[in-house]
Amino acid sequence: MSVNGSMVMPLPPKDGDGSAWQIAEPGIYEGFWQEDLGGLELVTLQIDFRYGTGSGGVRVCIQSSLDQGDTAYDLAVFDFTNTSRKVLVAIRNASIDGFTAPGFNGVGSDAQTESEGIICSVIGDRLRANVLADGTYQNTTLSIRAMPV
């Protein structure tokens, strides 16, 4: 099977130029919504954390929404510290029987910290990343790519 053109898209920061996230100060770095993705069966993600110097923790929350971005929820959460690391993951859109209460920004609906990994597999019509930095970093970047299928 051949694919014409690349379906890979960046999940860039909301404020900034380009697709790379510059991690420096503690805080929440909000991502730009990639929209018009309704009907996805699967999304594959590549998160590339390039550690420079500094310490603390960086939590990447891949989020979706079912109401045009008014309410975001976590699809997956990944934690990074003082080592460069690349994460690859695929999330298959699931039909779920019963109630699912995903969290937001790494904190579950029960106010407990979400474990690293896939949190919820209900993919809405848009994707973004939110990044939470606990420490101070220098020369540390993050690149997040998604391929919707």
C-alpha atoms as a PDB file:
ATOM      1  CA  MET A   1       0.000   0.000   0.000  1.00  0.00           C
ATOM      2  CA  SER A   2       1.327   3.434  -0.835  1.00  0.00           C
ATOM      3  CA  VAL A   3       0.306   6.687   0.780  1.00  0.00           C
ATOM      4  CA  ASN A   4       0.263   9.881  -1.254  1.00  0.00           C
ATOM      5  CA  GLY A   5       1.692  12.634   0.909  1.00  0.00           C
ATOM      6  CA  SER A   6       2.245  12.567   4.616  1.00  0.00           C
ATOM      7  CA  MET A   7      -0.654  12.258   7.027  1.00  0.00           C
ATOM      8  CA  VAL A   8       1.656  12.976   9.949  1.00  0.00           C
ATOM      9  CA  MET A   9       0.819  16.265  11.672  1.00  0.00           C
ATOM     10  CA  PRO A  10       2.502  18.146  14.483  1.00  0.00           C
ATOM     11  CA  LEU A  11       0.717  18.815  17.766  1.00  0.00           C
ATOM     12  CA  PRO A  12       2.319  22.253  18.271  1.00  0.00           C
ATOM     13  CA  PRO A  13       2.214  24.719  21.156  1.00  0.00           C
ATOM     14  CA  LYS A  14      -0.584  27.286  21.000  1.00  0.00           C
ATOM     15  CA  ASP A  15       1.837  30.168  21.429  1.00  0.00           C
ATOM     16  CA  GLY A  16       5.081  29.878  19.572  1.00  0.00           C
ATOM     17  CA  ASP A  17       6.563  29.534  16.161  1.00  0.00           C
ATOM     18  CA  GLY A  18       6.836  26.153  14.566  1.00  0.00           C
ATOM     19  CA  SER A  19       6.053  22.739  15.962  1.00  0.00           C
ATOM     20  CA  ALA A  20       8.760  22.339  18.638  1.00  0.00           C
ATOM     21  CA  TRP A  21       7.960  23.003  22.264  1.00  0.00           C
ATOM     22  CA  GLN A  22      10.629  24.906  24.215  1.00  0.00           C
ATOM     23  CA  ILE A  23      10.486  23.774  27.850  1.00  0.00           C
ATOM     24  CA  ALA A  24      11.989  26.332  30.230  1.00  0.00           C
ATOM     25  CA  GLU A  25       9.922  27.550  33.179  1.00  0.00           C
ATOM     26  CA  PRO A  26       7.460  25.677  35.380  1.00  0.00           C
ATOM     27  CA  GLY A  27       3.866  25.960  34.211  1.00  0.00           C
ATOM     28  CA  ILE A  28       1.221  24.661  31.848  1.00  0.00           C
ATOM     29  CA  TYR A  29       1.983  24.959  28.147  1.00  0.00           C
ATOM     30  CA  GLU A  30      -1.256  24.735  26.166  1.00  0.00           C
ATOM     31  CA  GLY A  31      -1.332  23.132  22.737  1.00  0.00           C
ATOM     32  CA  PHE A  32      -3.006  24.116  19.485  1.00  0.00           C
ATOM     33  CA  TRP A  33      -6.034  22.008  18.487  1.00  0.00           C
ATOM     34  CA  GLN A  34      -5.683  19.983  15.276  1.00  0.00           C
ATOM     35  CA  GLU A  35      -9.316  19.907  14.123  1.00  0.00           C
ATOM     36  CA  ASP A  36     -11.607  18.155  11.649  1.00  0.00           C
ATOM     37  CA  LEU A  37     -10.488  14.666  12.625  1.00  0.00           C
ATOM     38  CA  GLY A  38     -13.939  13.122  13.169  1.00  0.00           C
ATOM     39  CA  GLY A  39     -14.335   9.435  12.406  1.00  0.00           C
ATOM     40  CA  LEU A  40     -10.830   8.352  13.374  1.00  0.00           C
ATOM     41  CA  GLU A  41     -10.282   4.669  13.961  1.00  0.00           C
ATOM     42  CA  LEU A  42      -6.727   5.044  15.225  1.00  0.00           C
ATOM     43  CA  VAL A  43      -4.157   7.674  16.047  1.00  0.00           C
ATOM     44  CA  THR A  44      -0.455   6.956  16.312  1.00  0.00           C
ATOM     45  CA  LEU A  45       1.753   9.306  18.301  1.00  0.00           C
ATOM     46  CA  GLN A  46       5.448  10.034  18.535  1.00  0.00           C
ATOM     47  CA  ILE A  47       6.645  12.139  21.443  1.00  0.00           C
ATOM     48  CA  ASP A  48      10.325  13.092  21.353  1.00  0.00           C
ATOM     49  CA  PHE A  49      11.673  14.645  24.575  1.00  0.00           C
ATOM     50  CA  ARG A  50      15.162  16.114  24.049  1.00  0.00           C
ATOM     51  CA  TYR A  51      16.707  16.844  27.432  1.00  0.00           C
ATOM     52  CA  GLY A  52      19.235  19.662  27.684  1.00  0.00           C
ATOM     53  CA  THR A  53      19.864  20.616  31.304  1.00  0.00           C
ATOM     54  CA  GLY A  54      17.746  21.268  34.365  1.00  0.00           C
ATOM     55  CA  SER A  55      15.563  19.219  36.642  1.00  0.00           C
ATOM     56  CA  GLY A  56      12.002  18.577  37.669  1.00  0.00           C
ATOM     57  CA  GLY A  57       9.432  16.772  35.608  1.00  0.00           C
ATOM     58  CA  VAL A  58       7.538  17.213  32.372  1.00  0.00           C
ATOM     59  CA  ARG A  59       4.120  15.621  31.863  1.00  0.00           C
ATOM     60  CA  VAL A  60       2.672  15.442  28.342  1.00  0.00           C
ATOM     61  CA  CYS A  61      -1.105  15.009  28.132  1.00  0.00           C
ATOM     62  CA  ILE A  62      -2.511  14.106  24.705  1.00  0.00           C
ATOM     63  CA  GLN A  63      -6.069  15.391  24.688  1.00  0.00           C
ATOM     64  CA  SER A  64      -9.242  15.181  22.638  1.00  0.00           C
ATOM     65  CA  SER A  65     -12.713  16.726  22.771  1.00  0.00           C
ATOM     66  CA  LEU A  66     -16.236  15.804  21.745  1.00  0.00           C
ATOM     67  CA  ASP A  67     -17.678  19.334  21.967  1.00  0.00           C
ATOM     68  CA  GLN A  68     -15.500  21.406  19.613  1.00  0.00           C
ATOM     69  CA  GLY A  69     -12.815  21.962  22.251  1.00  0.00           C
ATOM     70  CA  ASP A  70     -15.014  23.332  25.035  1.00  0.00           C
ATOM     71  CA  THR A  71     -14.190  20.346  27.230  1.00  0.00           C
ATOM     72  CA  ALA A  72     -10.841  18.599  26.816  1.00  0.00           C
ATOM     73  CA  TYR A  73      -9.991  15.193  28.278  1.00  0.00           C
ATOM     74  CA  ASP A  74      -6.827  13.106  28.427  1.00  0.00           C
ATOM     75  CA  LEU A  75      -6.330  10.295  25.931  1.00  0.00           C
ATOM     76  CA  ALA A  76      -2.809   9.495  27.120  1.00  0.00           C
ATOM     77  CA  VAL A  77      -0.243  10.785  29.624  1.00  0.00           C
ATOM     78  CA  PHE A  78       3.561  10.518  29.416  1.00  0.00           C
ATOM     79  CA  ASP A  79       6.148  11.569  32.002  1.00  0.00           C
ATOM     80  CA  PHE A  80       9.701  12.766  31.323  1.00  0.00           C
ATOM     81  CA  THR A  81      12.495  13.874  33.655  1.00  0.00           C
ATOM     82  CA  ASN A  82      16.249  14.205  33.102  1.00  0.00           C
ATOM     83  CA  THR A  83      16.804  11.848  30.176  1.00  0.00           C
ATOM     84  CA  SER A  84      16.049  12.190  26.488  1.00  0.00           C
ATOM     85  CA  ARG A  85      13.389   9.685  25.478  1.00  0.00           C
ATOM     86  CA  LYS A  86      11.141   8.935  22.515  1.00  0.00           C
ATOM     87  CA  VAL A  87       7.695   7.386  23.002  1.00  0.00           C
ATOM     88  CA  LEU A  88       5.631   5.697  20.282  1.00  0.00           C
ATOM     89  CA  VAL A  89       2.027   4.708  20.952  1.00  0.00           C
ATOM     90  CA  ALA A  90      -1.143   3.856  19.040  1.00  0.00           C
ATOM     91  CA  ILE A  91      -4.615   4.538  20.411  1.00  0.00           C
ATOM     92  CA  ARG A  92      -7.514   2.701  18.802  1.00  0.00           C
ATOM     93  CA  ASN A  93     -10.908   4.409  19.007  1.00  0.00           C
ATOM     94  CA  ALA A  94     -13.050   2.124  21.130  1.00  0.00           C
ATOM     95  CA  SER A  95     -16.708   1.571  21.658  1.00  0.00           C
ATOM     96  CA  ILE A  96     -17.065   1.499  25.407  1.00  0.00           C
ATOM     97  CA  ASP A  97     -19.927  -0.072  27.307  1.00  0.00           C
ATOM     98  CA  GLY A  98     -20.490   1.792  30.519  1.00  0.00           C
ATOM     99  CA  PHE A  99     -19.316   5.071  31.924  1.00  0.00           C
ATOM    100  CA  THR A 100     -15.836   6.471  31.348  1.00  0.00           C
ATOM    101  CA  ALA A 101     -14.646   9.514  33.271  1.00  0.00           C
ATOM    102  CA  PRO A 102     -11.265  10.545  31.852  1.00  0.00           C
ATOM    103  CA  GLY A 103      -9.174  13.187  33.518  1.00  0.00           C
ATOM    104  CA  PHE A 104      -7.637  16.459  32.492  1.00  0.00           C
ATOM    105  CA  ASN A 105      -3.950  17.476  32.539  1.00  0.00           C
ATOM    106  CA  GLY A 106      -2.852  14.260  34.202  1.00  0.00           C
ATOM    107  CA  VAL A 107      -5.341  14.325  37.072  1.00  0.00           C
ATOM    108  CA  GLY A 108      -8.178  11.810  36.978  1.00  0.00           C
ATOM    109  CA  SER A 109     -11.823  12.540  37.627  1.00  0.00           C
ATOM    110  CA  ASP A 110     -11.213  11.162  41.138  1.00  0.00           C
ATOM    111  CA  ALA A 111      -8.538  13.879  41.743  1.00  0.00           C
ATOM    112  CA  GLN A 112      -5.754  11.259  41.738  1.00  0.00           C
ATOM    113  CA  THR A 113      -2.699  11.563  39.484  1.00  0.00           C
ATOM    114  CA  GLU A 114      -3.168   9.522  36.312  1.00  0.00           C
ATOM    115  CA  SER A 115      -0.609   6.809  35.613  1.00  0.00           C
ATOM    116  CA  GLU A 116       1.534   7.079  32.518  1.00  0.00           C
ATOM    117  CA  GLY A 117      -0.023   5.448  29.469  1.00  0.00           C
ATOM    118  CA  ILE A 118      -3.333   5.361  27.618  1.00  0.00           C
ATOM    119  CA  ILE A 119      -6.078   6.825  29.809  1.00  0.00           C
ATOM    120  CA  CYS A 120      -9.119   6.887  27.530  1.00  0.00           C
ATOM    121  CA  SER A 121      -9.619   5.520  24.024  1.00  0.00           C
ATOM    122  CA  VAL A 122     -12.590   7.635  22.951  1.00  0.00           C
ATOM    123  CA  ILE A 123     -11.110   9.842  20.223  1.00  0.00           C
ATOM    124  CA  GLY A 124     -13.105  12.982  19.434  1.00  0.00           C
ATOM    125  CA  ASP A 125     -12.887  15.237  16.377  1.00  0.00           C
ATOM    126  CA  ARG A 126      -9.695  17.058  17.447  1.00  0.00           C
ATOM    127  CA  LEU A 127      -6.340  16.457  19.149  1.00  0.00           C
ATOM    128  CA  ARG A 128      -3.862  18.578  21.074  1.00  0.00           C
ATOM    129  CA  ALA A 129      -1.099  18.259  23.618  1.00  0.00           C
ATOM    130  CA  ASN A 130      -0.887  20.047  26.937  1.00  0.00           C
ATOM    131  CA  VAL A 131       2.488  20.068  28.660  1.00  0.00           C
ATOM    132  CA  LEU A 132       2.952  20.517  32.406  1.00  0.00           C
ATOM    133  CA  ALA A 133       6.468  21.405  33.576  1.00  0.00           C
ATOM    134  CA  ASP A 134       7.382  21.107  37.259  1.00  0.00           C
ATOM    135  CA  GLY A 135      10.991  22.192  37.010  1.00  0.00           C
ATOM    136  CA  THR A 136      13.273  24.608  35.245  1.00  0.00           C
ATOM    137  CA  TYR A 137      14.998  23.449  32.067  1.00  0.00           C
ATOM    138  CA  GLN A 138      17.424  24.880  29.533  1.00  0.00           C
ATOM    139  CA  ASN A 139      17.891  23.731  25.937  1.00  0.00           C
ATOM    140  CA  THR A 140      15.100  21.183  26.387  1.00  0.00           C
ATOM    141  CA  THR A 141      12.655  20.606  23.547  1.00  0.00           C
ATOM    142  CA  LEU A 142       9.663  18.453  22.851  1.00  0.00           C
ATOM    143  CA  SER A 143       8.356  17.357  19.475  1.00  0.00           C
ATOM    144  CA  ILE A 144       4.930  15.743  19.242  1.00  0.00           C
ATOM    145  CA  ARG A 145       3.617  14.179  16.016  1.00  0.00           C
ATOM    146  CA  ALA A 146       0.319  12.424  15.337  1.00  0.00           C
ATOM    147  CA  MET A 147      -0.859  10.326  12.418  1.00  0.00           C
ATOM    148  CA  PRO A 148      -4.649   9.955  12.332  1.00  0.00           C
ATOM    149  CA  VAL A 149      -6.058   6.954  10.489  1.00  0.00           C
END
